[in-house]
PDB file of N, CA and C in Angstrom:
ATOM      1  N   UNK A   1     106.153-122.619 163.759  1.00  0.00           N
ATOM      2  CA  UNK A   1     106.951-123.710 164.264  1.00  0.00           C
ATOM      3  C   UNK A   1     107.683-123.294 165.533  1.00  0.00           C
ATOM      4  N   UNK A   2     108.276-122.069 165.475  1.00  0.00           N
ATOM      5  CA  UNK A   2     109.012-121.568 166.623  1.00  0.00           C
ATOM      6  C   UNK A   2     108.080-121.432 167.828  1.00  0.00           C
ATOM      7  N   UNK A   3     106.864-120.936 167.572  1.00  0.00           N
ATOM      8  CA  UNK A   3     105.886-120.755 168.649  1.00  0.00           C
ATOM      9  C   UNK A   3     105.505-122.100 169.270  1.00  0.00           C
ATOM     10  N   UNK A   4     105.347-123.136 168.450  1.00  0.00           N
ATOM     11  CA  UNK A   4     104.983-124.446 168.997  1.00  0.00           C
ATOM     12  C   UNK A   4     106.132-125.050 169.796  1.00  0.00           C
ATOM     13  N   UNK A   5     107.389-124.764 169.414  1.00  0.00           N
ATOM     14  CA  UNK A   5     108.547-125.240 170.179  1.00  0.00           C
ATOM     15  C   UNK A   5     108.566-124.580 171.549  1.00  0.00           C
ATOM     16  N   UNK A   6     108.312-123.282 171.567  1.00  0.00           N
ATOM     17  CA  UNK A   6     108.265-122.551 172.846  1.00  0.00           C
ATOM     18  C   UNK A   6     107.128-123.086 173.707  1.00  0.00           C
ATOM     19  N   UNK A   7     105.963-123.313 173.086  1.00  0.00           N
ATOM     20  CA  UNK A   7     104.820-123.846 173.828  1.00  0.00           C
ATOM     21  C   UNK A   7     105.119-125.238 174.374  1.00  0.00           C
ATOM     22  N   UNK A   8     105.782-126.068 173.602  1.00  0.00           N
ATOM     23  CA  UNK A   8     106.125-127.422 174.054  1.00  0.00           C
ATOM     24  C   UNK A   8     107.088-127.364 175.235  1.00  0.00           C
ATOM     25  N   UNK A   9     108.092-126.448 175.155  1.00  0.00           N
ATOM     26  CA  UNK A   9     109.041-126.295 176.262  1.00  0.00           C
ATOM     27  C   UNK A   9     108.320-125.813 177.517  1.00  0.00           C
ATOM     28  N   UNK A  10     107.425-124.863 177.340  1.00  0.00           N
ATOM     29  CA  UNK A  10     106.637-124.328 178.450  1.00  0.00           C
ATOM     30  C   UNK A  10     105.793-125.432 179.086  1.00  0.00           C
ATOM     31  N   UNK A  11     105.149-126.209 178.235  1.00  0.00           N
ATOM     32  CA  UNK A  11     104.326-127.322 178.703  1.00  0.00           C
ATOM     33  C   UNK A  11     105.180-128.349 179.455  1.00  0.00           C
ATOM     34  N   UNK A  12     106.356-128.642 178.929  1.00  0.00           N
ATOM     35  CA  UNK A  12     107.271-129.589 179.576  1.00  0.00           C
ATOM     36  C   UNK A  12     107.701-129.103 180.953  1.00  0.00           C
ATOM     37  N   UNK A  13     108.004-127.811 181.045  1.00  0.00           N
ATOM     38  CA  UNK A  13     108.399-127.241 182.341  1.00  0.00           C
ATOM     39  C   UNK A  13     107.234-127.296 183.322  1.00  0.00           C
ATOM     40  N   UNK A  14     106.050-127.041 182.825  1.00  0.00           N
ATOM     41  CA  UNK A  14     104.863-127.112 183.688  1.00  0.00           C
ATOM     42  C   UNK A  14     104.660-128.524 184.215  1.00  0.00           C
ATOM     43  N   UNK A  15     104.799-129.498 183.317  1.00  0.00           N
ATOM     44  CA  UNK A  15     104.658-130.896 183.747  1.00  0.00           C
ATOM     45  C   UNK A  15     105.715-131.276 184.774  1.00  0.00           C
ATOM     46  N   UNK A  16     106.933-130.816 184.559  1.00  0.00           N
ATOM     47  CA  UNK A  16     108.013-131.084 185.497  1.00  0.00           C
ATOM     48  C   UNK A  16     107.679-130.490 186.862  1.00  0.00           C
ATOM     49  N   UNK A  17     107.171-129.263 186.863  1.00  0.00           N
ATOM     50  CA  UNK A  17     106.782-128.620 188.120  1.00  0.00           C
ATOM     51  C   UNK A  17     105.692-129.396 188.840  1.00  0.00           C
ATOM     52  N   UNK A  18     104.695-129.852 188.082  1.00  0.00           N
ATOM     53  CA  UNK A  18     103.614-130.651 188.664  1.00  0.00           C
ATOM     54  C   UNK A  18     104.168-131.965 189.211  1.00  0.00           C
ATOM     55  N   UNK A  19     105.047-132.591 188.439  1.00  0.00           N
ATOM     56  CA  UNK A  19     105.647-133.846 188.885  1.00  0.00           C
ATOM     57  C   UNK A  19     106.437-133.670 190.164  1.00  0.00           C
ATOM     58  N   UNK A  20     107.205-132.592 190.250  1.00  0.00           N
ATOM     59  CA  UNK A  20     107.976-132.321 191.465  1.00  0.00           C
ATOM     60  C   UNK A  20     107.050-132.062 192.650  1.00  0.00           C
ATOM     61  N   UNK A  21     105.972-131.345 192.404  1.00  0.00           N
ATOM     62  CA  UNK A  21     105.009-131.072 193.484  1.00  0.00           C
ATOM     63  C   UNK A  21     104.388-132.367 193.996  1.00  0.00           C
ATOM     64  N   UNK A  22     103.959-133.229 193.069  1.00  0.00           N
ATOM     65  CA  UNK A  22     103.378-134.502 193.485  1.00  0.00           C
ATOM     66  C   UNK A  22     104.414-135.386 194.174  1.00  0.00           C
ATOM     67  N   UNK A  23     105.651-135.327 193.693  1.00  0.00           N
ATOM     68  CA  UNK A  23     106.725-136.086 194.343  1.00  0.00           C
ATOM     69  C   UNK A  23     106.933-135.628 195.773  1.00  0.00           C
ATOM     70  N   UNK A  24     106.883-134.314 195.981  1.00  0.00           N
ATOM     71  CA  UNK A  24     107.023-133.762 197.338  1.00  0.00           C
ATOM     72  C   UNK A  24     105.874-134.176 198.230  1.00  0.00           C
ATOM     73  N   UNK A  25     104.681-134.168 197.684  1.00  0.00           N
ATOM     74  CA  UNK A  25     103.505-134.599 198.450  1.00  0.00           C
ATOM     75  C   UNK A  25     103.630-136.076 198.804  1.00  0.00           C
ATOM     76  N   UNK A  26     104.045-136.885 197.838  1.00  0.00           N
ATOM     77  CA  UNK A  26     104.202-138.322 198.086  1.00  0.00           C
ATOM     78  C   UNK A  26     105.258-138.575 199.154  1.00  0.00           C
ATOM     79  N   UNK A  27     106.355-137.841 199.103  1.00  0.00           N
ATOM     80  CA  UNK A  27     107.408-137.992 200.107  1.00  0.00           C
ATOM     81  C   UNK A  27     106.890-137.596 201.488  1.00  0.00           C
ATOM     82  N   UNK A  28     106.148-136.512 201.541  1.00  0.00           N
ATOM     83  CA  UNK A  28     105.552-136.080 202.812  1.00  0.00           C
ATOM     84  C   UNK A  28     104.591-137.122 203.363  1.00  0.00           C
ATOM     85  N   UNK A  29     103.778-137.708 202.502  1.00  0.00           N
ATOM     86  CA  UNK A  29     102.837-138.750 202.928  1.00  0.00           C
ATOM     87  C   UNK A  29     103.587-139.980 203.432  1.00  0.00           C
ATOM     88  N   UNK A  30     104.680-140.349 202.765  1.00  0.00           N
ATOM     89  CA  UNK A  30     105.464-141.499 203.196  1.00  0.00           C
ATOM     90  C   UNK A  30     106.047-141.258 204.588  1.00  0.00           C
ATOM     91  N   UNK A  31     106.564-140.061 204.812  1.00  0.00           N
ATOM     92  CA  UNK A  31     107.112-139.733 206.135  1.00  0.00           C
ATOM     93  C   UNK A  31     106.034-139.787 207.202  1.00  0.00           C
ATOM     94  N   UNK A  32     104.848-139.311 206.866  1.00  0.00           N
ATOM     95  CA  UNK A  32     103.721-139.339 207.792  1.00  0.00           C
ATOM     96  C   UNK A  32     103.339-140.779 208.133  1.00  0.00           C
ATOM     97  N   UNK A  33     103.243-141.616 207.126  1.00  0.00           N
ATOM     98  CA  UNK A  33     102.887-143.029 207.326  1.00  0.00           C
ATOM     99  C   UNK A  33     103.970-143.740 208.138  1.00  0.00           C
ATOM    100  N   UNK A  34     105.240-143.470 207.829  1.00  0.00           N
ATOM    101  CA  UNK A  34     106.348-144.075 208.576  1.00  0.00           C
ATOM    102  C   UNK A  34     106.311-143.662 210.047  1.00  0.00           C
ATOM    103  N   UNK A  35     106.037-142.388 210.305  1.00  0.00           N
ATOM    104  CA  UNK A  35     105.971-141.900 211.691  1.00  0.00           C
ATOM    105  C   UNK A  35     104.813-142.553 212.436  1.00  0.00           C
ATOM    106  N   UNK A  36     103.671-142.700 211.777  1.00  0.00           N
ATOM    107  CA  UNK A  36     102.523-143.344 212.407  1.00  0.00           C
ATOM    108  C   UNK A  36     102.819-144.805 212.699  1.00  0.00           C
ATOM    109  N   UNK A  37     103.481-145.474 211.784  1.00  0.00           N
ATOM    110  CA  UNK A  37     103.854-146.877 211.967  1.00  0.00           C
ATOM    111  C   UNK A  37     104.843-147.029 213.121  1.00  0.00           C
ATOM    112  N   UNK A  38     105.827-146.144 213.185  1.00  0.00           N
ATOM    113  CA  UNK A  38     106.814-146.168 214.264  1.00  0.00           C
ATOM    114  C   UNK A  38     106.138-145.948 215.612  1.00  0.00           C
ATOM    115  N   UNK A  39     105.206-145.015 215.647  1.00  0.00           N
ATOM    116  CA  UNK A  39     104.476-144.727 216.882  1.00  0.00           C
ATOM    117  C   UNK A  39     103.655-145.933 217.327  1.00  0.00           C
ATOM    118  N   UNK A  40     103.013-146.594 216.385  1.00  0.00           N
ATOM    119  CA  UNK A  40     102.211-147.789 216.694  1.00  0.00           C
ATOM    120  C   UNK A  40     103.097-148.916 217.217  1.00  0.00           C
ATOM    121  N   UNK A  41     104.254-149.126 216.595  1.00  0.00           N
ATOM    122  CA  UNK A  41     105.186-150.164 217.049  1.00  0.00           C
ATOM    123  C   UNK A  41     105.695-149.865 218.454  1.00  0.00           C
ATOM    124  N   UNK A  42     105.990-148.610 218.734  1.00  0.00           N
ATOM    125  CA  UNK A  42     106.461-148.213 220.067  1.00  0.00           C
ATOM    126  C   UNK A  42     105.388-148.469 221.110  1.00  0.00           C
ATOM    127  N   UNK A  43     104.151-148.160 220.780  1.00  0.00           N
ATOM    128  CA  UNK A  43     103.043-148.382 221.707  1.00  0.00           C
ATOM    129  C   UNK A  43     102.838-149.870 221.966  1.00  0.00           C
ATOM    130  N   UNK A  44     102.959-150.691 220.933  1.00  0.00           N
ATOM    131  CA  UNK A  44     102.840-152.142 221.096  1.00  0.00           C
ATOM    132  C   UNK A  44     103.932-152.675 222.025  1.00  0.00           C
ATOM    133  N   UNK A  45     105.172-152.244 221.788  1.00  0.00           N
ATOM    134  CA  UNK A  45     106.298-152.684 222.616  1.00  0.00           C
ATOM    135  C   UNK A  45     106.072-152.270 224.066  1.00  0.00           C
ATOM    136  N   UNK A  46     105.680-151.018 224.275  1.00  0.00           N
ATOM    137  CA  UNK A  46     105.419-150.479 225.605  1.00  0.00           C
ATOM    138  C   UNK A  46     104.357-151.314 226.316  1.00  0.00           C
ATOM    139  N   UNK A  47     103.286-151.632 225.612  1.00  0.00           N
ATOM    140  CA  UNK A  47     102.180-152.407 226.195  1.00  0.00           C
ATOM    141  C   UNK A  47     102.609-153.814 226.588  1.00  0.00           C
ATOM    142  N   UNK A  48     103.479-154.425 225.805  1.00  0.00           N
ATOM    143  CA  UNK A  48     103.963-155.775 226.116  1.00  0.00           C
ATOM    144  C   UNK A  48     104.949-155.739 227.288  1.00  0.00           C
ATOM    145  N   UNK A  49     105.891-154.795 227.239  1.00  0.00           N
ATOM    146  CA  UNK A  49     106.925-154.708 228.267  1.00  0.00           C
ATOM    147  C   UNK A  49     106.319-154.418 229.639  1.00  0.00           C
ATOM    148  N   UNK A  50     105.344-153.537 229.689  1.00  0.00           N
ATOM    149  CA  UNK A  50     104.778-153.111 230.970  1.00  0.00           C
ATOM    150  C   UNK A  50     103.366-153.651 231.209  1.00  0.00           C
ATOM    151  N   UNK A  51     103.046-154.797 230.613  1.00  0.00           N
ATOM    152  CA  UNK A  51     101.684-155.337 230.707  1.00  0.00           C
ATOM    153  C   UNK A  51     101.222-155.550 232.146  1.00  0.00           C
ATOM    154  N   UNK A  52     102.150-155.892 233.049  1.00  0.00           N
ATOM    155  CA  UNK A  52     101.775-156.146 234.452  1.00  0.00           C
ATOM    156  C   UNK A  52     101.624-154.864 235.267  1.00  0.00           C
ATOM    157  N   UNK A  53     102.160-153.761 234.767  1.00  0.00           N
ATOM    158  CA  UNK A  53     102.124-152.494 235.505  1.00  0.00           C
ATOM    159  C   UNK A  53     101.693-151.347 234.581  1.00  0.00           C
ATOM    160  N   UNK A  54     100.773-151.641 233.681  1.00  0.00           N
ATOM    161  CA  UNK A  54     100.390-150.679 232.649  1.00  0.00           C
ATOM    162  C   UNK A  54      99.849-149.369 233.223  1.00  0.00           C
ATOM    163  N   UNK A  55      99.082-149.451 234.287  1.00  0.00           N
ATOM    164  CA  UNK A  55      98.560-148.228 234.920  1.00  0.00           C
ATOM    165  C   UNK A  55      99.687-147.351 235.439  1.00  0.00           C
ATOM    166  N   UNK A  56     100.631-147.962 236.144  1.00  0.00           N
ATOM    167  CA  UNK A  56     101.787-147.212 236.654  1.00  0.00           C
ATOM    168  C   UNK A  56     102.634-146.674 235.507  1.00  0.00           C
ATOM    169  N   UNK A  57     102.759-147.458 234.445  1.00  0.00           N
ATOM    170  CA  UNK A  57     103.550-147.032 233.287  1.00  0.00           C
ATOM    171  C   UNK A  57     102.912-145.818 232.620  1.00  0.00           C
ATOM    172  N   UNK A  58     101.589-145.806 232.514  1.00  0.00           N
ATOM    173  CA  UNK A  58     100.901-144.653 231.929  1.00  0.00           C
ATOM    174  C   UNK A  58     101.095-143.401 232.780  1.00  0.00           C
ATOM    175  N   UNK A  59     101.070-143.574 234.102  1.00  0.00           N
ATOM    176  CA  UNK A  59     101.316-142.444 235.011  1.00  0.00           C
ATOM    177  C   UNK A  59     102.739-141.915 234.812  1.00  0.00           C
ATOM    178  N   UNK A  60     103.706-142.822 234.689  1.00  0.00           N
ATOM    179  CA  UNK A  60     105.100-142.423 234.480  1.00  0.00           C
ATOM    180  C   UNK A  60     105.260-141.660 233.168  1.00  0.00           C
ATOM    181  N   UNK A  61     104.565-142.099 232.140  1.00  0.00           N
ATOM    182  CA  UNK A  61     104.623-141.410 230.845  1.00  0.00           C
ATOM    183  C   UNK A  61     104.104-139.986 230.984  1.00  0.00           C
ATOM    184  N   UNK A  62     102.951-139.839 231.596  1.00  0.00           N
ATOM    185  CA  UNK A  62     102.355-138.506 231.737  1.00  0.00           C
ATOM    186  C   UNK A  62     103.214-137.589 232.599  1.00  0.00           C
ATOM    187  N   UNK A  63     103.798-138.132 233.664  1.00  0.00           N
ATOM    188  CA  UNK A  63     104.662-137.328 234.544  1.00  0.00           C
ATOM    189  C   UNK A  63     105.906-136.861 233.792  1.00  0.00           C
ATOM    190  N   UNK A  64     106.550-137.773 233.081  1.00  0.00           N
ATOM    191  CA  UNK A  64     107.752-137.409 232.343  1.00  0.00           C
ATOM    192  C   UNK A  64     107.418-136.440 231.201  1.00  0.00           C
ATOM    193  N   UNK A  65     106.289-136.673 230.578  1.00  0.00           N
ATOM    194  CA  UNK A  65     105.851-135.809 229.478  1.00  0.00           C
ATOM    195  C   UNK A  65     105.669-134.378 229.961  1.00  0.00           C
ATOM    196  N   UNK A  66     104.996-134.205 231.064  1.00  0.00           N
ATOM    197  CA  UNK A  66     104.752-132.849 231.567  1.00  0.00           C
ATOM    198  C   UNK A  66     106.004-132.247 232.206  1.00  0.00           C
ATOM    199  N   UNK A  67     106.810-133.047 232.878  1.00  0.00           N
ATOM    200  CA  UNK A  67     108.028-132.533 233.514  1.00  0.00           C
ATOM    201  C   UNK A  67     109.048-132.029 232.497  1.00  0.00           C
ATOM    202  N   UNK A  68     109.119-132.686 231.334  1.00  0.00           N
ATOM    203  CA  UNK A  68     110.152-132.347 230.362  1.00  0.00           C
ATOM    204  C   UNK A  68     109.609-131.774 229.049  1.00  0.00           C
ATOM    205  N   UNK A  69     108.292-131.627 228.946  1.00  0.00           N
ATOM    206  CA  UNK A  69     107.717-131.040 227.734  1.00  0.00           C
ATOM    207  C   UNK A  69     107.891-131.902 226.496  1.00  0.00           C
ATOM    208  N   UNK A  70     107.807-133.218 226.671  1.00  0.00           N
ATOM    209  CA  UNK A  70     107.982-134.154 225.559  1.00  0.00           C
ATOM    210  C   UNK A  70     106.625-134.615 225.050  1.00  0.00           C
ATOM    211  N   UNK A  71     106.603-135.094 223.836  1.00  0.00           N
ATOM    212  CA  UNK A  71     105.383-135.670 223.265  1.00  0.00           C
ATOM    213  C   UNK A  71     105.155-137.056 223.862  1.00  0.00           C
ATOM    214  N   UNK A  72     103.903-137.427 224.016  1.00  0.00           N
ATOM    215  CA  UNK A  72     103.552-138.723 224.605  1.00  0.00           C
ATOM    216  C   UNK A  72     104.209-139.875 223.847  1.00  0.00           C
ATOM    217  N   UNK A  73     104.123-139.851 222.510  1.00  0.00           N
ATOM    218  CA  UNK A  73     104.687-140.961 221.731  1.00  0.00           C
ATOM    219  C   UNK A  73     106.204-141.060 221.927  1.00  0.00           C
ATOM    220  N   UNK A  74     106.846-139.925 222.173  1.00  0.00           N
ATOM    221  CA  UNK A  74     108.294-139.929 222.381  1.00  0.00           C
ATOM    222  C   UNK A  74     108.653-140.605 223.713  1.00  0.00           C
ATOM    223  N   UNK A  75     107.909-140.290 224.763  1.00  0.00           N
ATOM    224  CA  UNK A  75     108.159-140.895 226.077  1.00  0.00           C
ATOM    225  C   UNK A  75     107.846-142.386 226.041  1.00  0.00           C
ATOM    226  N   UNK A  76     106.767-142.759 225.367  1.00  0.00           N
ATOM    227  CA  UNK A  76     106.414-144.174 225.229  1.00  0.00           C
ATOM    228  C   UNK A  76     107.552-144.925 224.549  1.00  0.00           C
ATOM    229  N   UNK A  77     108.112-144.334 223.521  1.00  0.00           N
ATOM    230  CA  UNK A  77     109.223-144.976 222.792  1.00  0.00           C
ATOM    231  C   UNK A  77     110.450-145.114 223.692  1.00  0.00           C
ATOM    232  N   UNK A  78     110.802-144.058 224.409  1.00  0.00           N
ATOM    233  CA  UNK A  78     111.979-144.086 225.284  1.00  0.00           C
ATOM    234  C   UNK A  78     111.842-145.143 226.380  1.00  0.00           C
ATOM    235  N   UNK A  79     110.732-145.085 227.103  1.00  0.00           N
ATOM    236  CA  UNK A  79     110.522-146.042 228.196  1.00  0.00           C
ATOM    237  C   UNK A  79     110.368-147.463 227.673  1.00  0.00           C
ATOM    238  N   UNK A  80     109.718-147.601 226.539  1.00  0.00           N
ATOM    239  CA  UNK A  80     109.542-148.929 225.943  1.00  0.00           C
ATOM    240  C   UNK A  80     110.858-149.550 225.513  1.00  0.00           C
ATOM    241  N   UNK A  81     111.713-148.766 224.877  1.00  0.00           N
ATOM    242  CA  UNK A  81     113.002-149.297 224.427  1.00  0.00           C
ATOM    243  C   UNK A  81     113.883-149.715 225.603  1.00  0.00           C
ATOM    244  N   UNK A  82     113.972-148.870 226.617  1.00  0.00           N
ATOM    245  CA  UNK A  82     114.797-149.202 227.778  1.00  0.00           C
ATOM    246  C   UNK A  82     114.197-150.383 228.534  1.00  0.00           C
ATOM    247  N   UNK A  83     112.887-150.362 228.725  1.00  0.00           N
ATOM    248  CA  UNK A  83     112.219-151.452 229.427  1.00  0.00           C
ATOM    249  C   UNK A  83     112.330-152.770 228.695  1.00  0.00           C
ATOM    250  N   UNK A  84     112.322-152.734 227.382  1.00  0.00           N
ATOM    251  CA  UNK A  84     112.467-153.948 226.579  1.00  0.00           C
ATOM    252  C   UNK A  84     113.812-154.617 226.860  1.00  0.00           C
ATOM    253  N   UNK A  85     114.854-153.822 226.906  1.00  0.00           N
ATOM    254  CA  UNK A  85     116.187-154.360 227.211  1.00  0.00           C
ATOM    255  C   UNK A  85     116.220-154.947 228.621  1.00  0.00           C
ATOM    256  N   UNK A  86     115.689-154.210 229.582  1.00  0.00           N
ATOM    257  CA  UNK A  86     115.752-154.644 230.982  1.00  0.00           C
ATOM    258  C   UNK A  86     114.930-155.908 231.242  1.00  0.00           C
ATOM    259  N   UNK A  87     113.741-155.983 230.680  1.00  0.00           N
ATOM    260  CA  UNK A  87     112.942-157.205 230.868  1.00  0.00           C
ATOM    261  C   UNK A  87     113.579-158.374 230.140  1.00  0.00           C
ATOM    262  N   UNK A  88     114.287-158.083 229.055  1.00  0.00           N
ATOM    263  CA  UNK A  88     115.032-159.130 228.355  1.00  0.00           C
ATOM    264  C   UNK A  88     116.124-159.724 229.216  1.00  0.00           C
ATOM    265  N   UNK A  89     116.640-158.919 230.138  1.00  0.00           N
ATOM    266  CA  UNK A  89     117.647-159.407 231.087  1.00  0.00           C
ATOM    267  C   UNK A  89     117.007-160.089 232.291  1.00  0.00           C
ATOM    268  N   UNK A  90     115.677-160.165 232.318  1.00  0.00           N
ATOM    269  CA  UNK A  90     114.984-160.873 233.386  1.00  0.00           C
ATOM    270  C   UNK A  90     114.380-159.989 234.456  1.00  0.00           C
ATOM    271  N   UNK A  91     114.456-158.681 234.308  1.00  0.00           N
ATOM    272  CA  UNK A  91     113.894-157.765 235.296  1.00  0.00           C
ATOM    273  C   UNK A  91     112.366-157.775 235.186  1.00  0.00           C
ATOM    274  N   UNK A  92     111.688-157.600 236.301  1.00  0.00           N
ATOM    275  CA  UNK A  92     110.226-157.539 236.287  1.00  0.00           C
ATOM    276  C   UNK A  92     109.768-156.249 235.607  1.00  0.00           C
ATOM    277  N   UNK A  93     108.501-156.216 235.234  1.00  0.00           N
ATOM    278  CA  UNK A  93     107.953-155.007 234.623  1.00  0.00           C
ATOM    279  C   UNK A  93     108.062-153.809 235.549  1.00  0.00           C
ATOM    280  N   UNK A  94     107.792-154.015 236.837  1.00  0.00           N
ATOM    281  CA  UNK A  94     107.876-152.919 237.813  1.00  0.00           C
ATOM    282  C   UNK A  94     109.313-152.424 237.957  1.00  0.00           C
ATOM    283  N   UNK A  95     110.241-153.349 238.047  1.00  0.00           N
ATOM    284  CA  UNK A  95     111.650-152.969 238.161  1.00  0.00           C
ATOM    285  C   UNK A  95     112.142-152.267 236.908  1.00  0.00           C
ATOM    286  N   UNK A  96     111.729-152.786 235.757  1.00  0.00           N
ATOM    287  CA  UNK A  96     112.127-152.181 234.478  1.00  0.00           C
ATOM    288  C   UNK A  96     111.545-150.779 234.351  1.00  0.00           C
ATOM    289  N   UNK A  97     110.313-150.598 234.799  1.00  0.00           N
ATOM    290  CA  UNK A  97     109.683-149.277 234.730  1.00  0.00           C
ATOM    291  C   UNK A  97     110.438-148.282 235.605  1.00  0.00           C
ATOM    292  N   UNK A  98     110.768-148.691 236.817  1.00  0.00           N
ATOM    293  CA  UNK A  98     111.491-147.810 237.732  1.00  0.00           C
ATOM    294  C   UNK A  98     112.841-147.400 237.136  1.00  0.00           C
ATOM    295  N   UNK A  99     113.602-148.374 236.656  1.00  0.00           N
ATOM    296  CA  UNK A  99     114.919-148.069 236.107  1.00  0.00           C
ATOM    297  C   UNK A  99     114.814-147.301 234.784  1.00  0.00           C
ATOM    298  N   UNK A 100     113.871-147.666 233.934  1.00  0.00           N
ATOM    299  CA  UNK A 100     113.673-146.965 232.662  1.00  0.00           C
ATOM    300  C   UNK A 100     113.327-145.502 232.904  1.00  0.00           C
ATOM    301  N   UNK A 101     112.492-145.282 233.891  1.00  0.00           N
ATOM    302  CA  UNK A 101     112.104-143.920 234.233  1.00  0.00           C
ATOM    303  C   UNK A 101     113.326-143.113 234.691  1.00  0.00           C
ATOM    304  N   UNK A 102     114.147-143.699 235.543  1.00  0.00           N
ATOM    305  CA  UNK A 102     115.346-143.015 236.035  1.00  0.00           C
ATOM    306  C   UNK A 102     116.337-142.748 234.903  1.00  0.00           C
ATOM    307  N   UNK A 103     116.566-143.751 234.068  1.00  0.00           N
ATOM    308  CA  UNK A 103     117.509-143.603 232.951  1.00  0.00           C
ATOM    309  C   UNK A 103     117.048-142.513 231.992  1.00  0.00           C
ATOM    310  N   UNK A 104     115.774-142.497 231.665  1.00  0.00           N
ATOM    311  CA  UNK A 104     115.288-141.543 230.681  1.00  0.00           C
ATOM    312  C   UNK A 104     115.081-140.149 231.247  1.00  0.00           C
ATOM    313  N   UNK A 105     114.891-140.030 232.547  1.00  0.00           N
ATOM    314  CA  UNK A 105     114.895-138.705 233.181  1.00  0.00           C
ATOM    315  C   UNK A 105     116.307-138.121 233.128  1.00  0.00           C
ATOM    316  N   UNK A 106     117.290-138.968 233.370  1.00  0.00           N
ATOM    317  CA  UNK A 106     118.679-138.528 233.240  1.00  0.00           C
ATOM    318  C   UNK A 106     118.966-138.148 231.784  1.00  0.00           C
ATOM    319  N   UNK A 107     118.478-138.949 230.851  1.00  0.00           N
ATOM    320  CA  UNK A 107     118.663-138.646 229.425  1.00  0.00           C
ATOM    321  C   UNK A 107     118.035-137.296 229.071  1.00  0.00           C
ATOM    322  N   UNK A 108     116.876-137.008 229.634  1.00  0.00           N
ATOM    323  CA  UNK A 108     116.215-135.719 229.368  1.00  0.00           C
ATOM    324  C   UNK A 108     117.050-134.568 229.925  1.00  0.00           C
ATOM    325  N   UNK A 109     117.615-134.753 231.110  1.00  0.00           N
ATOM    326  CA  UNK A 109     118.489-133.717 231.679  1.00  0.00           C
ATOM    327  C   UNK A 109     119.725-133.514 230.809  1.00  0.00           C
ATOM    328  N   UNK A 110     120.345-134.623 230.384  1.00  0.00           N
ATOM    329  CA  UNK A 110     121.525-134.535 229.521  1.00  0.00           C
ATOM    330  C   UNK A 110     121.181-133.881 228.183  1.00  0.00           C
ATOM    331  N   UNK A 111     120.028-134.219 227.672  1.00  0.00           N
ATOM    332  CA  UNK A 111     119.564-133.651 226.406  1.00  0.00           C
ATOM    333  C   UNK A 111     119.453-132.139 226.510  1.00  0.00           C
ATOM    334  N   UNK A 112     118.878-131.687 227.588  1.00  0.00           N
ATOM    335  CA  UNK A 112     118.715-130.254 227.807  1.00  0.00           C
ATOM    336  C   UNK A 112     120.070-129.578 228.002  1.00  0.00           C
ATOM    337  N   UNK A 113     120.928-130.201 228.785  1.00  0.00           N
ATOM    338  CA  UNK A 113     122.244-129.637 229.081  1.00  0.00           C
ATOM    339  C   UNK A 113     123.111-129.547 227.828  1.00  0.00           C
ATOM    340  N   UNK A 114     123.102-130.589 227.012  1.00  0.00           N
ATOM    341  CA  UNK A 114     123.951-130.646 225.815  1.00  0.00           C
ATOM    342  C   UNK A 114     123.262-130.108 224.570  1.00  0.00           C
ATOM    343  N   UNK A 115     121.985-129.748 224.707  1.00  0.00           N
ATOM    344  CA  UNK A 115     121.206-129.232 223.589  1.00  0.00           C
ATOM    345  C   UNK A 115     121.180-130.207 222.412  1.00  0.00           C
ATOM    346  N   UNK A 116     120.847-131.476 222.715  1.00  0.00           N
ATOM    347  CA  UNK A 116     120.708-132.512 221.692  1.00  0.00           C
ATOM    348  C   UNK A 116     119.346-133.176 221.848  1.00  0.00           C
ATOM    349  N   UNK A 117     118.923-133.866 220.818  1.00  0.00           N
ATOM    350  CA  UNK A 117     117.669-134.606 220.864  1.00  0.00           C
ATOM    351  C   UNK A 117     117.773-135.690 221.934  1.00  0.00           C
ATOM    352  N   UNK A 118     116.725-135.926 222.690  1.00  0.00           N
ATOM    353  CA  UNK A 118     116.736-136.869 223.811  1.00  0.00           C
ATOM    354  C   UNK A 118     117.036-138.305 223.382  1.00  0.00           C
ATOM    355  N   UNK A 119     116.761-138.650 222.155  1.00  0.00           N
ATOM    356  CA  UNK A 119     116.991-140.017 221.682  1.00  0.00           C
ATOM    357  C   UNK A 119     118.453-140.427 221.868  1.00  0.00           C
ATOM    358  N   UNK A 120     119.384-139.535 221.548  1.00  0.00           N
ATOM    359  CA  UNK A 120     120.807-139.871 221.632  1.00  0.00           C
ATOM    360  C   UNK A 120     121.239-140.231 223.058  1.00  0.00           C
ATOM    361  N   UNK A 121     121.039-139.368 224.058  1.00  0.00           N
ATOM    362  CA  UNK A 121     121.474-139.762 225.406  1.00  0.00           C
ATOM    363  C   UNK A 121     120.704-140.968 225.952  1.00  0.00           C
ATOM    364  N   UNK A 122     119.443-141.119 225.570  1.00  0.00           N
ATOM    365  CA  UNK A 122     118.676-142.273 226.019  1.00  0.00           C
ATOM    366  C   UNK A 122     119.282-143.568 225.477  1.00  0.00           C
ATOM    367  N   UNK A 123     119.612-143.575 224.187  1.00  0.00           N
ATOM    368  CA  UNK A 123     120.207-144.780 223.584  1.00  0.00           C
ATOM    369  C   UNK A 123     121.565-145.086 224.199  1.00  0.00           C
ATOM    370  N   UNK A 124     122.367-144.046 224.447  1.00  0.00           N
ATOM    371  CA  UNK A 124     123.698-144.258 225.038  1.00  0.00           C
ATOM    372  C   UNK A 124     123.562-144.836 226.440  1.00  0.00           C
ATOM    373  N   UNK A 125     122.701-144.250 227.254  1.00  0.00           N
ATOM    374  CA  UNK A 125     122.519-144.737 228.626  1.00  0.00           C
ATOM    375  C   UNK A 125     121.925-146.152 228.643  1.00  0.00           C
ATOM    376  N   UNK A 126     120.982-146.395 227.766  1.00  0.00           N
ATOM    377  CA  UNK A 126     120.363-147.726 227.706  1.00  0.00           C
ATOM    378  C   UNK A 126     121.396-148.772 227.311  1.00  0.00           C
ATOM    379  N   UNK A 127     122.226-148.466 226.354  1.00  0.00           N
ATOM    380  CA  UNK A 127     123.272-149.410 225.938  1.00  0.00           C
ATOM    381  C   UNK A 127     124.308-149.649 227.034  1.00  0.00           C
ATOM    382  N   UNK A 128     124.494-148.652 227.879  1.00  0.00           N
ATOM    383  CA  UNK A 128     125.471-148.787 228.969  1.00  0.00           C
ATOM    384  C   UNK A 128     124.968-149.703 230.082  1.00  0.00           C
ATOM    385  N   UNK A 129     123.685-149.963 230.102  1.00  0.00           N
ATOM    386  CA  UNK A 129     123.127-150.821 231.155  1.00  0.00           C
ATOM    387  C   UNK A 129     123.683-152.214 230.984  1.00  0.00           C
TER     388      UNK A 129
END
């Protein structure tokens, strides 16, 4: 009887370990799916905001990406968010791209200087517009 109690406890601990492992995998998969969804939404916004100057916008993304060592999806999100606000105020796609590029280059400099993630200074500067 004592041996079966020990075996049952051992089995229960094993199941708990397996459950925790699967829970961790599920959480990791959810984060992956959320990140992919966020990236897709950012790309959609970017494409709509800069539809009239998409070629120039792609060049700006690549230039900023290489100048500051950022991921493409990150630059697309930054420029898209700022450009969305500016075009909402009636600015043309070309004007929004120019200003978004300047604002987010400044945000990248501030990010480096203050040692913070670029999202924070970009959001602050964009809100200040």
